[in-house]
Amino acid sequence: MNLSSKAIELLNLLSTGIENAKPRKELANILKTDVRSVSQLSSQLVKAGVPVGSIRDGKMGGLFLISNQTELQTATYSVENDALESMQRVHKLRGINLTDWYTEFTSNLDQQKSQLLLNK
């Protein structure tokens, strides 16, 4: 796989270990790009076989190079949850009746409003 020069730049900015995670915003500023592009570049690196981890934690959130199994577990947890939520959304969308969805939705909404009034 051919990596873009920006992906290689990102790799050079990443440190090993979850405790050294660098915020996407900081990486985006250094790379003169946006946060979404940094995420795409990190995906490009993973597809090339680089163990780039991601964590969503206010204090140590960001990207890092995975160094052990514990970090791998932590880094894949949120990705797995996102994938599960996406699949649940796909399943729900496929089950919507495109002809009658609005009628069904407003009927359910009216029932919820009535229930709320009864519970007051």
PDB file of N, CA and C in Angstrom:
ATOM      1  N   MET A   1       0.846  -1.179   0.000  1.00  0.00           N
ATOM      2  CA  MET A   1       0.000   0.000   0.000  1.00  0.00           C
ATOM      3  C   MET A   1       0.891   1.242   0.000  1.00  0.00           C
ATOM      4  N   ASN A   2       0.557   2.185  -0.852  1.00  0.00           N
ATOM      5  CA  ASN A   2       1.282   3.445  -0.905  1.00  0.00           C
ATOM      6  C   ASN A   2       0.659   4.435   0.069  1.00  0.00           C
ATOM      7  N   LEU A   3       1.457   4.905   1.003  1.00  0.00           N
ATOM      8  CA  LEU A   3       0.990   5.886   1.978  1.00  0.00           C
ATOM      9  C   LEU A   3       1.192   7.293   1.439  1.00  0.00           C
ATOM     10  N   SER A   4       0.270   8.160   1.768  1.00  0.00           N
ATOM     11  CA  SER A   4       0.424   9.564   1.389  1.00  0.00           C
ATOM     12  C   SER A   4       1.520  10.188   2.256  1.00  0.00           C
ATOM     13  N   SER A   5       2.055  11.289   1.780  1.00  0.00           N
ATOM     14  CA  SER A   5       3.103  11.969   2.553  1.00  0.00           C
ATOM     15  C   SER A   5       2.549  12.463   3.886  1.00  0.00           C
ATOM     16  N   LYS A   6       1.258  12.863   3.910  1.00  0.00           N
ATOM     17  CA  LYS A   6       0.632  13.311   5.168  1.00  0.00           C
ATOM     18  C   LYS A   6       0.529  12.150   6.157  1.00  0.00           C
ATOM     19  N   ALA A   7       0.227  10.943   5.655  1.00  0.00           N
ATOM     20  CA  ALA A   7       0.139   9.773   6.542  1.00  0.00           C
ATOM     21  C   ALA A   7       1.499   9.479   7.149  1.00  0.00           C
ATOM     22  N   ILE A   8       2.540   9.600   6.358  1.00  0.00           N
ATOM     23  CA  ILE A   8       3.899   9.373   6.867  1.00  0.00           C
ATOM     24  C   ILE A   8       4.263  10.459   7.883  1.00  0.00           C
ATOM     25  N   GLU A   9       3.862  11.695   7.612  1.00  0.00           N
ATOM     26  CA  GLU A   9       4.089  12.780   8.575  1.00  0.00           C
ATOM     27  C   GLU A   9       3.383  12.468   9.893  1.00  0.00           C
ATOM     28  N   LEU A  10       2.139  11.990   9.795  1.00  0.00           N
ATOM     29  CA  LEU A  10       1.389  11.638  11.010  1.00  0.00           C
ATOM     30  C   LEU A  10       2.114  10.547  11.781  1.00  0.00           C
ATOM     31  N   LEU A  11       2.550   9.512  11.083  1.00  0.00           N
ATOM     32  CA  LEU A  11       3.273   8.427  11.742  1.00  0.00           C
ATOM     33  C   LEU A  11       4.484   8.962  12.507  1.00  0.00           C
ATOM     34  N   ASN A  12       5.196   9.888  11.915  1.00  0.00           N
ATOM     35  CA  ASN A  12       6.381  10.456  12.565  1.00  0.00           C
ATOM     36  C   ASN A  12       6.039  11.291  13.794  1.00  0.00           C
ATOM     37  N   LEU A  13       4.787  11.748  13.891  1.00  0.00           N
ATOM     38  CA  LEU A  13       4.362  12.548  15.041  1.00  0.00           C
ATOM     39  C   LEU A  13       3.854  11.693  16.208  1.00  0.00           C
ATOM     40  N   LEU A  14       3.509  10.442  15.935  1.00  0.00           N
ATOM     41  CA  LEU A  14       2.917   9.591  16.968  1.00  0.00           C
ATOM     42  C   LEU A  14       3.974   9.006  17.883  1.00  0.00           C
ATOM     43  N   SER A  15       3.609   8.905  19.155  1.00  0.00           N
ATOM     44  CA  SER A  15       4.484   8.306  20.163  1.00  0.00           C
ATOM     45  C   SER A  15       3.915   6.960  20.578  1.00  0.00           C
ATOM     46  N   THR A  16       4.788   6.126  21.105  1.00  0.00           N
ATOM     47  CA  THR A  16       4.383   4.795  21.553  1.00  0.00           C
ATOM     48  C   THR A  16       3.782   4.875  22.943  1.00  0.00           C
ATOM     49  N   GLY A  17       2.674   4.173  23.128  1.00  0.00           N
ATOM     50  CA  GLY A  17       2.034   4.070  24.440  1.00  0.00           C
ATOM     51  C   GLY A  17       0.857   5.002  24.613  1.00  0.00           C
ATOM     52  N   ILE A  18      -0.159   4.452  25.260  1.00  0.00           N
ATOM     53  CA  ILE A  18      -1.407   5.188  25.465  1.00  0.00           C
ATOM     54  C   ILE A  18      -1.189   6.456  26.290  1.00  0.00           C
ATOM     55  N   GLU A  19      -0.218   6.409  27.197  1.00  0.00           N
ATOM     56  CA  GLU A  19       0.055   7.576  28.046  1.00  0.00           C
ATOM     57  C   GLU A  19       0.649   8.736  27.238  1.00  0.00           C
ATOM     58  N   ASN A  20       1.063   8.457  26.008  1.00  0.00           N
ATOM     59  CA  ASN A  20       1.647   9.476  25.131  1.00  0.00           C
ATOM     60  C   ASN A  20       0.730   9.854  23.970  1.00  0.00           C
ATOM     61  N   ALA A  21      -0.542   9.541  24.112  1.00  0.00           N
ATOM     62  CA  ALA A  21      -1.505   9.854  23.049  1.00  0.00           C
ATOM     63  C   ALA A  21      -1.507  11.353  22.776  1.00  0.00           C
ATOM     64  N   LYS A  22      -1.580  11.692  21.497  1.00  0.00           N
ATOM     65  CA  LYS A  22      -1.607  13.104  21.095  1.00  0.00           C
ATOM     66  C   LYS A  22      -2.995  13.447  20.561  1.00  0.00           C
ATOM     67  N   PRO A  23      -3.576  14.525  21.043  1.00  0.00           N
ATOM     68  CA  PRO A  23      -4.916  14.921  20.590  1.00  0.00           C
ATOM     69  C   PRO A  23      -4.969  15.151  19.078  1.00  0.00           C
ATOM     70  N   ARG A  24      -6.066  14.720  18.476  1.00  0.00           N
ATOM     71  CA  ARG A  24      -6.251  14.898  17.036  1.00  0.00           C
ATOM     72  C   ARG A  24      -6.156  16.371  16.629  1.00  0.00           C
ATOM     73  N   LYS A  25      -6.705  17.230  17.468  1.00  0.00           N
ATOM     74  CA  LYS A  25      -6.689  18.664  17.148  1.00  0.00           C
ATOM     75  C   LYS A  25      -5.247  19.174  17.064  1.00  0.00           C
ATOM     76  N   GLU A  26      -4.431  18.755  17.997  1.00  0.00           N
ATOM     77  CA  GLU A  26      -3.017  19.153  17.985  1.00  0.00           C
ATOM     78  C   GLU A  26      -2.321  18.620  16.735  1.00  0.00           C
ATOM     79  N   LEU A  27      -2.593  17.352  16.413  1.00  0.00           N
ATOM     80  CA  LEU A  27      -2.005  16.747  15.216  1.00  0.00           C
ATOM     81  C   LEU A  27      -2.475  17.461  13.952  1.00  0.00           C
ATOM     82  N   ALA A  28      -3.750  17.821  13.921  1.00  0.00           N
ATOM     83  CA  ALA A  28      -4.306  18.526  12.764  1.00  0.00           C
ATOM     84  C   ALA A  28      -3.609  19.873  12.581  1.00  0.00           C
ATOM     85  N   ASN A  29      -3.369  20.579  13.674  1.00  0.00           N
ATOM     86  CA  ASN A  29      -2.682  21.878  13.590  1.00  0.00           C
ATOM     87  C   ASN A  29      -1.269  21.717  13.043  1.00  0.00           C
ATOM     88  N   ILE A  30      -0.566  20.725  13.531  1.00  0.00           N
ATOM     89  CA  ILE A  30       0.809  20.492  13.081  1.00  0.00           C
ATOM     90  C   ILE A  30       0.825  20.120  11.594  1.00  0.00           C
ATOM     91  N   LEU A  31      -0.134  19.282  11.189  1.00  0.00           N
ATOM     92  CA  LEU A  31      -0.194  18.815   9.798  1.00  0.00           C
ATOM     93  C   LEU A  31      -0.883  19.816   8.869  1.00  0.00           C
ATOM     94  N   LYS A  32      -1.386  20.903   9.444  1.00  0.00           N
ATOM     95  CA  LYS A  32      -2.117  21.921   8.677  1.00  0.00           C
ATOM     96  C   LYS A  32      -3.287  21.305   7.906  1.00  0.00           C
ATOM     97  N   THR A  33      -4.099  20.572   8.666  1.00  0.00           N
ATOM     98  CA  THR A  33      -5.282  19.924   8.114  1.00  0.00           C
ATOM     99  C   THR A  33      -6.375  19.960   9.167  1.00  0.00           C
ATOM    100  N   ASP A  34      -7.456  19.220   8.949  1.00  0.00           N
ATOM    101  CA  ASP A  34      -8.539  19.189   9.932  1.00  0.00           C
ATOM    102  C   ASP A  34      -8.556  17.855  10.669  1.00  0.00           C
ATOM    103  N   VAL A  35      -9.334  17.815  11.730  1.00  0.00           N
ATOM    104  CA  VAL A  35      -9.398  16.629  12.596  1.00  0.00           C
ATOM    105  C   VAL A  35      -9.898  15.406  11.833  1.00  0.00           C
ATOM    106  N   ARG A  36     -10.889  15.607  10.967  1.00  0.00           N
ATOM    107  CA  ARG A  36     -11.423  14.487  10.184  1.00  0.00           C
ATOM    108  C   ARG A  36     -10.332  13.877   9.299  1.00  0.00           C
ATOM    109  N   SER A  37      -9.509  14.731   8.705  1.00  0.00           N
ATOM    110  CA  SER A  37      -8.411  14.235   7.861  1.00  0.00           C
ATOM    111  C   SER A  37      -7.409  13.436   8.676  1.00  0.00           C
ATOM    112  N   VAL A  38      -7.148  13.869   9.899  1.00  0.00           N
ATOM    113  CA  VAL A  38      -6.233  13.126  10.777  1.00  0.00           C
ATOM    114  C   VAL A  38      -6.791  11.720  11.024  1.00  0.00           C
ATOM    115  N   SER A  39      -8.089  11.622  11.256  1.00  0.00           N
ATOM    116  CA  SER A  39      -8.711  10.308  11.452  1.00  0.00           C
ATOM    117  C   SER A  39      -8.575   9.452  10.197  1.00  0.00           C
ATOM    118  N   GLN A  40      -8.767  10.053   9.042  1.00  0.00           N
ATOM    119  CA  GLN A  40      -8.619   9.307   7.782  1.00  0.00           C
ATOM    120  C   GLN A  40      -7.171   8.861   7.573  1.00  0.00           C
ATOM    121  N   LEU A  41      -6.237   9.719   7.916  1.00  0.00           N
ATOM    122  CA  LEU A  41      -4.824   9.350   7.801  1.00  0.00           C
ATOM    123  C   LEU A  41      -4.471   8.209   8.752  1.00  0.00           C
ATOM    124  N   SER A  42      -5.027   8.243   9.966  1.00  0.00           N
ATOM    125  CA  SER A  42      -4.747   7.160  10.915  1.00  0.00           C
ATOM    126  C   SER A  42      -5.333   5.845  10.402  1.00  0.00           C
ATOM    127  N   SER A  43      -6.491   5.905   9.762  1.00  0.00           N
ATOM    128  CA  SER A  43      -7.081   4.698   9.163  1.00  0.00           C
ATOM    129  C   SER A  43      -6.193   4.168   8.047  1.00  0.00           C
ATOM    130  N   GLN A  44      -5.640   5.081   7.270  1.00  0.00           N
ATOM    131  CA  GLN A  44      -4.723   4.700   6.192  1.00  0.00           C
ATOM    132  C   GLN A  44      -3.512   3.953   6.764  1.00  0.00           C
ATOM    133  N   LEU A  45      -2.998   4.452   7.887  1.00  0.00           N
ATOM    134  CA  LEU A  45      -1.860   3.804   8.532  1.00  0.00           C
ATOM    135  C   LEU A  45      -2.222   2.407   9.043  1.00  0.00           C
ATOM    136  N   VAL A  46      -3.394   2.299   9.670  1.00  0.00           N
ATOM    137  CA  VAL A  46      -3.827   0.989  10.186  1.00  0.00           C
ATOM    138  C   VAL A  46      -3.963  -0.007   9.036  1.00  0.00           C
ATOM    139  N   LYS A  47      -4.549   0.436   7.935  1.00  0.00           N
ATOM    140  CA  LYS A  47      -4.703  -0.451   6.764  1.00  0.00           C
ATOM    141  C   LYS A  47      -3.347  -0.897   6.221  1.00  0.00           C
ATOM    142  N   ALA A  48      -2.312  -0.087   6.452  1.00  0.00           N
ATOM    143  CA  ALA A  48      -0.963  -0.431   6.005  1.00  0.00           C
ATOM    144  C   ALA A  48      -0.230  -1.305   7.020  1.00  0.00           C
ATOM    145  N   GLY A  49      -0.878  -1.569   8.163  1.00  0.00           N
ATOM    146  CA  GLY A  49      -0.281  -2.453   9.161  1.00  0.00           C
ATOM    147  C   GLY A  49       0.392  -1.760  10.329  1.00  0.00           C
ATOM    148  N   VAL A  50       0.144  -0.470  10.484  1.00  0.00           N
ATOM    149  CA  VAL A  50       0.722   0.273  11.614  1.00  0.00           C
ATOM    150  C   VAL A  50      -0.272   0.234  12.771  1.00  0.00           C
ATOM    151  N   PRO A  51       0.158  -0.160  13.977  1.00  0.00           N
ATOM    152  CA  PRO A  51      -0.775  -0.277  15.114  1.00  0.00           C
ATOM    153  C   PRO A  51      -1.106   1.074  15.756  1.00  0.00           C
ATOM    154  N   VAL A  52      -1.897   1.885  15.035  1.00  0.00           N
ATOM    155  CA  VAL A  52      -2.292   3.194  15.550  1.00  0.00           C
ATOM    156  C   VAL A  52      -3.528   3.011  16.422  1.00  0.00           C
ATOM    157  N   GLY A  53      -3.412   3.424  17.663  1.00  0.00           N
ATOM    158  CA  GLY A  53      -4.526   3.345  18.586  1.00  0.00           C
ATOM    159  C   GLY A  53      -5.173   4.705  18.754  1.00  0.00           C
ATOM    160  N   SER A  54      -6.420   4.658  19.172  1.00  0.00           N
ATOM    161  CA  SER A  54      -7.180   5.881  19.404  1.00  0.00           C
ATOM    162  C   SER A  54      -7.909   5.723  20.720  1.00  0.00           C
ATOM    163  N   ILE A  55      -7.912   6.794  21.482  1.00  0.00           N
ATOM    164  CA  ILE A  55      -8.644   6.778  22.746  1.00  0.00           C
ATOM    165  C   ILE A  55      -9.419   8.080  22.858  1.00  0.00           C
ATOM    166  N   ARG A  56     -10.620   7.973  23.409  1.00  0.00           N
ATOM    167  CA  ARG A  56     -11.474   9.149  23.593  1.00  0.00           C
ATOM    168  C   ARG A  56     -11.608   9.440  25.076  1.00  0.00           C
ATOM    169  N   ASP A  57     -10.615  10.046  25.614  1.00  0.00           N
ATOM    170  CA  ASP A  57     -10.600  10.396  27.020  1.00  0.00           C
ATOM    171  C   ASP A  57     -10.122  11.836  27.097  1.00  0.00           C
ATOM    172  N   GLY A  58     -10.850  12.665  27.812  1.00  0.00           N
ATOM    173  CA  GLY A  58     -10.533  14.083  27.876  1.00  0.00           C
ATOM    174  C   GLY A  58      -9.091  14.400  28.204  1.00  0.00           C
ATOM    175  N   LYS A  59      -8.507  13.707  29.179  1.00  0.00           N
ATOM    176  CA  LYS A  59      -7.147  14.033  29.605  1.00  0.00           C
ATOM    177  C   LYS A  59      -6.085  13.425  28.697  1.00  0.00           C
ATOM    178  N   MET A  60      -6.271  12.184  28.303  1.00  0.00           N
ATOM    179  CA  MET A  60      -5.239  11.546  27.483  1.00  0.00           C
ATOM    180  C   MET A  60      -5.790  11.052  26.155  1.00  0.00           C
ATOM    181  N   GLY A  61      -6.837  11.675  25.678  1.00  0.00           N
ATOM    182  CA  GLY A  61      -7.422  11.269  24.416  1.00  0.00           C
ATOM    183  C   GLY A  61      -6.538  11.611  23.236  1.00  0.00           C
ATOM    184  N   GLY A  62      -6.610  10.809  22.204  1.00  0.00           N
ATOM    185  CA  GLY A  62      -5.848  11.083  21.002  1.00  0.00           C
ATOM    186  C   GLY A  62      -5.347   9.819  20.345  1.00  0.00           C
ATOM    187  N   LEU A  63      -4.305   9.980  19.555  1.00  0.00           N
ATOM    188  CA  LEU A  63      -3.726   8.868  18.797  1.00  0.00           C
ATOM    189  C   LEU A  63      -2.359   8.499  19.359  1.00  0.00           C
ATOM    190  N   PHE A  64      -2.034   7.214  19.259  1.00  0.00           N
ATOM    191  CA  PHE A  64      -0.755   6.716  19.764  1.00  0.00           C
ATOM    192  C   PHE A  64      -0.427   5.414  19.059  1.00  0.00           C
ATOM    193  N   LEU A  65       0.796   4.978  19.183  1.00  0.00           N
ATOM    194  CA  LEU A  65       1.197   3.675  18.655  1.00  0.00           C
ATOM    195  C   LEU A  65       1.005   2.636  19.761  1.00  0.00           C
ATOM    196  N   ILE A  66       0.243   1.619  19.469  1.00  0.00           N
ATOM    197  CA  ILE A  66      -0.092   0.575  20.449  1.00  0.00           C
ATOM    198  C   ILE A  66       1.159  -0.251  20.742  1.00  0.00           C
ATOM    199  N   SER A  67       1.401  -0.471  22.046  1.00  0.00           N
ATOM    200  CA  SER A  67       2.610  -1.203  22.431  1.00  0.00           C
ATOM    201  C   SER A  67       2.341  -2.529  23.139  1.00  0.00           C
ATOM    202  N   ASN A  68       1.081  -2.784  23.545  1.00  0.00           N
ATOM    203  CA  ASN A  68       0.797  -4.040  24.241  1.00  0.00           C
ATOM    204  C   ASN A  68      -0.687  -4.415  24.093  1.00  0.00           C
ATOM    205  N   GLN A  69      -1.021  -5.594  24.580  1.00  0.00           N
ATOM    206  CA  GLN A  69      -2.386  -6.107  24.436  1.00  0.00           C
ATOM    207  C   GLN A  69      -3.421  -5.268  25.182  1.00  0.00           C
ATOM    208  N   THR A  70      -3.059  -4.740  26.327  1.00  0.00           N
ATOM    209  CA  THR A  70      -3.994  -3.904  27.084  1.00  0.00           C
ATOM    210  C   THR A  70      -4.355  -2.653  26.292  1.00  0.00           C
ATOM    211  N   GLU A  71      -3.344  -2.035  25.696  1.00  0.00           N
ATOM    212  CA  GLU A  71      -3.603  -0.856  24.863  1.00  0.00           C
ATOM    213  C   GLU A  71      -4.430  -1.218  23.637  1.00  0.00           C
ATOM    214  N   LEU A  72      -4.166  -2.381  23.073  1.00  0.00           N
ATOM    215  CA  LEU A  72      -4.957  -2.841  21.929  1.00  0.00           C
ATOM    216  C   LEU A  72      -6.421  -2.994  22.316  1.00  0.00           C
ATOM    217  N   GLN A  73      -6.675  -3.603  23.474  1.00  0.00           N
ATOM    218  CA  GLN A  73      -8.049  -3.768  23.969  1.00  0.00           C
ATOM    219  C   GLN A  73      -8.725  -2.413  24.149  1.00  0.00           C
ATOM    220  N   THR A  74      -8.016  -1.488  24.771  1.00  0.00           N
ATOM    221  CA  THR A  74      -8.565  -0.155  25.028  1.00  0.00           C
ATOM    222  C   THR A  74      -8.860   0.574  23.721  1.00  0.00           C
ATOM    223  N   ALA A  75      -7.939   0.488  22.778  1.00  0.00           N
ATOM    224  CA  ALA A  75      -8.079   1.203  21.511  1.00  0.00           C
ATOM    225  C   ALA A  75      -9.200   0.634  20.648  1.00  0.00           C
ATOM    226  N   THR A  76      -9.431  -0.666  20.739  1.00  0.00           N
ATOM    227  CA  THR A  76     -10.460  -1.271  19.886  1.00  0.00           C
ATOM    228  C   THR A  76     -11.855  -1.219  20.509  1.00  0.00           C
ATOM    229  N   TYR A  77     -11.941  -0.964  21.793  1.00  0.00           N
ATOM    230  CA  TYR A  77     -13.236  -0.948  22.476  1.00  0.00           C
ATOM    231  C   TYR A  77     -14.194   0.068  21.856  1.00  0.00           C
ATOM    232  N   SER A  78     -13.750   1.319  21.716  1.00  0.00           N
ATOM    233  CA  SER A  78     -14.653   2.348  21.185  1.00  0.00           C
ATOM    234  C   SER A  78     -14.961   2.105  19.708  1.00  0.00           C
ATOM    235  N   VAL A  79     -13.999   1.568  18.966  1.00  0.00           N
ATOM    236  CA  VAL A  79     -14.236   1.269  17.549  1.00  0.00           C
ATOM    237  C   VAL A  79     -15.303   0.179  17.418  1.00  0.00           C
ATOM    238  N   GLU A  80     -15.213  -0.840  18.260  1.00  0.00           N
ATOM    239  CA  GLU A  80     -16.212  -1.914  18.240  1.00  0.00           C
ATOM    240  C   GLU A  80     -17.594  -1.389  18.608  1.00  0.00           C
ATOM    241  N   ASN A  81     -17.658  -0.506  19.612  1.00  0.00           N
ATOM    242  CA  ASN A  81     -18.951   0.078  19.987  1.00  0.00           C
ATOM    243  C   ASN A  81     -19.543   0.911  18.862  1.00  0.00           C
ATOM    244  N   ASP A  82     -18.692   1.704  18.192  1.00  0.00           N
ATOM    245  CA  ASP A  82     -19.162   2.493  17.051  1.00  0.00           C
ATOM    246  C   ASP A  82     -19.702   1.591  15.948  1.00  0.00           C
ATOM    247  N   ALA A  83     -18.985   0.501  15.687  1.00  0.00           N
ATOM    248  CA  ALA A  83     -19.414  -0.429  14.645  1.00  0.00           C
ATOM    249  C   ALA A  83     -20.752  -1.071  15.008  1.00  0.00           C
ATOM    250  N   LEU A  84     -20.907  -1.444  16.266  1.00  0.00           N
ATOM    251  CA  LEU A  84     -22.163  -2.043  16.721  1.00  0.00           C
ATOM    252  C   LEU A  84     -23.317  -1.060  16.567  1.00  0.00           C
ATOM    253  N   GLU A  85     -23.101   0.180  16.987  1.00  0.00           N
ATOM    254  CA  GLU A  85     -24.144   1.205  16.848  1.00  0.00           C
ATOM    255  C   GLU A  85     -24.492   1.435  15.380  1.00  0.00           C
ATOM    256  N   SER A  86     -23.483   1.442  14.515  1.00  0.00           N
ATOM    257  CA  SER A  86     -23.736   1.621  13.083  1.00  0.00           C
ATOM    258  C   SER A  86     -24.553   0.463  12.521  1.00  0.00           C
ATOM    259  N   MET A  87     -24.233  -0.754  12.917  1.00  0.00           N
ATOM    260  CA  MET A  87     -24.983  -1.924  12.434  1.00  0.00           C
ATOM    261  C   MET A  87     -26.414  -1.905  12.953  1.00  0.00           C
ATOM    262  N   GLN A  88     -26.612  -1.473  14.199  1.00  0.00           N
ATOM    263  CA  GLN A  88     -27.967  -1.362  14.732  1.00  0.00           C
ATOM    264  C   GLN A  88     -28.754  -0.321  13.949  1.00  0.00           C
ATOM    265  N   ARG A  89     -28.109   0.761  13.581  1.00  0.00           N
ATOM    266  CA  ARG A  89     -28.773   1.802  12.787  1.00  0.00           C
ATOM    267  C   ARG A  89     -29.143   1.272  11.409  1.00  0.00           C
ATOM    268  N   VAL A  90     -28.229   0.539  10.767  1.00  0.00           N
ATOM    269  CA  VAL A  90     -28.507  -0.056   9.456  1.00  0.00           C
ATOM    270  C   VAL A  90     -29.698  -1.001   9.560  1.00  0.00           C
ATOM    271  N   HIS A  91     -29.696  -1.845  10.586  1.00  0.00           N
ATOM    272  CA  HIS A  91     -30.790  -2.798  10.779  1.00  0.00           C
ATOM    273  C   HIS A  91     -32.123  -2.061  10.952  1.00  0.00           C
ATOM    274  N   LYS A  92     -32.108  -1.006  11.765  1.00  0.00           N
ATOM    275  CA  LYS A  92     -33.326  -0.228  12.001  1.00  0.00           C
ATOM    276  C   LYS A  92     -33.795   0.446  10.708  1.00  0.00           C
ATOM    277  N   LEU A  93     -32.869   1.044   9.965  1.00  0.00           N
ATOM    278  CA  LEU A  93     -33.234   1.693   8.701  1.00  0.00           C
ATOM    279  C   LEU A  93     -33.851   0.714   7.718  1.00  0.00           C
ATOM    280  N   ARG A  94     -33.284  -0.472   7.632  1.00  0.00           N
ATOM    281  CA  ARG A  94     -33.818  -1.481   6.698  1.00  0.00           C
ATOM    282  C   ARG A  94     -35.206  -1.958   7.091  1.00  0.00           C
ATOM    283  N   GLY A  95     -35.555  -1.791   8.371  1.00  0.00           N
ATOM    284  CA  GLY A  95     -36.867  -2.225   8.836  1.00  0.00           C
ATOM    285  C   GLY A  95     -37.953  -1.164   8.744  1.00  0.00           C
ATOM    286  N   ILE A  96     -37.587   0.048   8.321  1.00  0.00           N
ATOM    287  CA  ILE A  96     -38.572   1.121   8.228  1.00  0.00           C
ATOM    288  C   ILE A  96     -39.405   0.964   6.962  1.00  0.00           C
ATOM    289  N   ASN A  97     -40.714   1.067   7.130  1.00  0.00           N
ATOM    290  CA  ASN A  97     -41.639   1.024   6.001  1.00  0.00           C
ATOM    291  C   ASN A  97     -41.617   2.395   5.332  1.00  0.00           C
ATOM    292  N   LEU A  98     -41.023   2.486   4.151  1.00  0.00           N
ATOM    293  CA  LEU A  98     -40.838   3.775   3.493  1.00  0.00           C
ATOM    294  C   LEU A  98     -42.140   4.411   3.027  1.00  0.00           C
ATOM    295  N   THR A  99     -43.177   3.623   2.907  1.00  0.00           N
ATOM    296  CA  THR A  99     -44.464   4.152   2.467  1.00  0.00           C
ATOM    297  C   THR A  99     -45.225   4.791   3.617  1.00  0.00           C
ATOM    298  N   ASP A 100     -45.189   4.152   4.783  1.00  0.00           N
ATOM    299  CA  ASP A 100     -46.033   4.592   5.897  1.00  0.00           C
ATOM    300  C   ASP A 100     -45.263   5.117   7.108  1.00  0.00           C
ATOM    301  N   TRP A 101     -43.973   5.367   6.978  1.00  0.00           N
ATOM    302  CA  TRP A 101     -43.184   5.713   8.156  1.00  0.00           C
ATOM    303  C   TRP A 101     -43.700   6.959   8.866  1.00  0.00           C
ATOM    304  N   TYR A 102     -44.120   7.960   8.107  1.00  0.00           N
ATOM    305  CA  TYR A 102     -44.538   9.209   8.738  1.00  0.00           C
ATOM    306  C   TYR A 102     -45.818   9.011   9.546  1.00  0.00           C
ATOM    307  N   THR A 103     -46.757   8.284   8.993  1.00  0.00           N
ATOM    308  CA  THR A 103     -48.006   8.010   9.694  1.00  0.00           C
ATOM    309  C   THR A 103     -47.740   7.219  10.972  1.00  0.00           C
ATOM    310  N   GLU A 104     -46.906   6.185  10.863  1.00  0.00           N
ATOM    311  CA  GLU A 104     -46.566   5.366  12.026  1.00  0.00           C
ATOM    312  C   GLU A 104     -45.829   6.201  13.076  1.00  0.00           C
ATOM    313  N   PHE A 105     -44.908   7.031  12.634  1.00  0.00           N
ATOM    314  CA  PHE A 105     -44.130   7.857  13.551  1.00  0.00           C
ATOM    315  C   PHE A 105     -45.022   8.837  14.303  1.00  0.00           C
ATOM    316  N   THR A 106     -45.886   9.554  13.586  1.00  0.00           N
ATOM    317  CA  THR A 106     -46.743  10.548  14.248  1.00  0.00           C
ATOM    318  C   THR A 106     -47.761   9.872  15.160  1.00  0.00           C
ATOM    319  N   SER A 107     -48.219   8.690  14.783  1.00  0.00           N
ATOM    320  CA  SER A 107     -49.140   7.945  15.636  1.00  0.00           C
ATOM    321  C   SER A 107     -48.451   7.566  16.952  1.00  0.00           C
ATOM    322  N   ASN A 108     -47.220   7.071  16.859  1.00  0.00           N
ATOM    323  CA  ASN A 108     -46.451   6.720  18.064  1.00  0.00           C
ATOM    324  C   ASN A 108     -46.170   7.950  18.916  1.00  0.00           C
ATOM    325  N   LEU A 109     -45.882   9.067  18.258  1.00  0.00           N
ATOM    326  CA  LEU A 109     -45.621  10.309  18.965  1.00  0.00           C
ATOM    327  C   LEU A 109     -46.867  10.779  19.716  1.00  0.00           C
ATOM    328  N   ASP A 110     -48.025  10.687  19.068  1.00  0.00           N
ATOM    329  CA  ASP A 110     -49.284  11.063  19.713  1.00  0.00           C
ATOM    330  C   ASP A 110     -49.553  10.177  20.929  1.00  0.00           C
ATOM    331  N   GLN A 111     -49.263   8.881  20.807  1.00  0.00           N
ATOM    332  CA  GLN A 111     -49.449   7.956  21.935  1.00  0.00           C
ATOM    333  C   GLN A 111     -48.535   8.335  23.098  1.00  0.00           C
ATOM    334  N   GLN A 112     -47.296   8.693  22.788  1.00  0.00           N
ATOM    335  CA  GLN A 112     -46.357   9.089  23.842  1.00  0.00           C
ATOM    336  C   GLN A 112     -46.827  10.363  24.542  1.00  0.00           C
ATOM    337  N   LYS A 113     -47.334  11.313  23.775  1.00  0.00           N
ATOM    338  CA  LYS A 113     -47.836  12.557  24.367  1.00  0.00           C
ATOM    339  C   LYS A 113     -49.018  12.266  25.284  1.00  0.00           C
ATOM    340  N   SER A 114     -49.920  11.406  24.837  1.00  0.00           N
ATOM    341  CA  SER A 114     -51.082  11.044  25.650  1.00  0.00           C
ATOM    342  C   SER A 114     -50.630  10.371  26.941  1.00  0.00           C
ATOM    343  N   GLN A 115     -49.649   9.487  26.839  1.00  0.00           N
ATOM    344  CA  GLN A 115     -49.133   8.789  28.012  1.00  0.00           C
ATOM    345  C   GLN A 115     -48.504   9.762  29.005  1.00  0.00           C
ATOM    346  N   LEU A 116     -47.778  10.744  28.488  1.00  0.00           N
ATOM    347  CA  LEU A 116     -47.171  11.757  29.358  1.00  0.00           C
ATOM    348  C   LEU A 116     -48.233  12.553  30.106  1.00  0.00           C
ATOM    349  N   LEU A 117     -49.320  12.901  29.414  1.00  0.00           N
ATOM    350  CA  LEU A 117     -50.404  13.659  30.055  1.00  0.00           C
ATOM    351  C   LEU A 117     -51.085  12.838  31.139  1.00  0.00           C
ATOM    352  N   LEU A 118     -51.221  11.526  30.926  1.00  0.00           N
ATOM    353  CA  LEU A 118     -51.848  10.649  31.907  1.00  0.00           C
ATOM    354  C   LEU A 118     -50.964  10.489  33.153  1.00  0.00           C
ATOM    355  N   ASN A 119     -49.654  10.532  32.953  1.00  0.00           N
ATOM    356  CA  ASN A 119     -48.729  10.335  34.077  1.00  0.00           C
ATOM    357  C   ASN A 119     -48.523  11.587  34.915  1.00  0.00           C
ATOM    358  N   LYS A 120     -49.040  12.719  34.495  1.00  0.00           N
ATOM    359  CA  LYS A 120     -48.851  13.963  35.256  1.00  0.00           C
ATOM    360  C   LYS A 120     -49.704  14.015  36.469  1.00  0.00           C
TER     361      LYS A 120
END
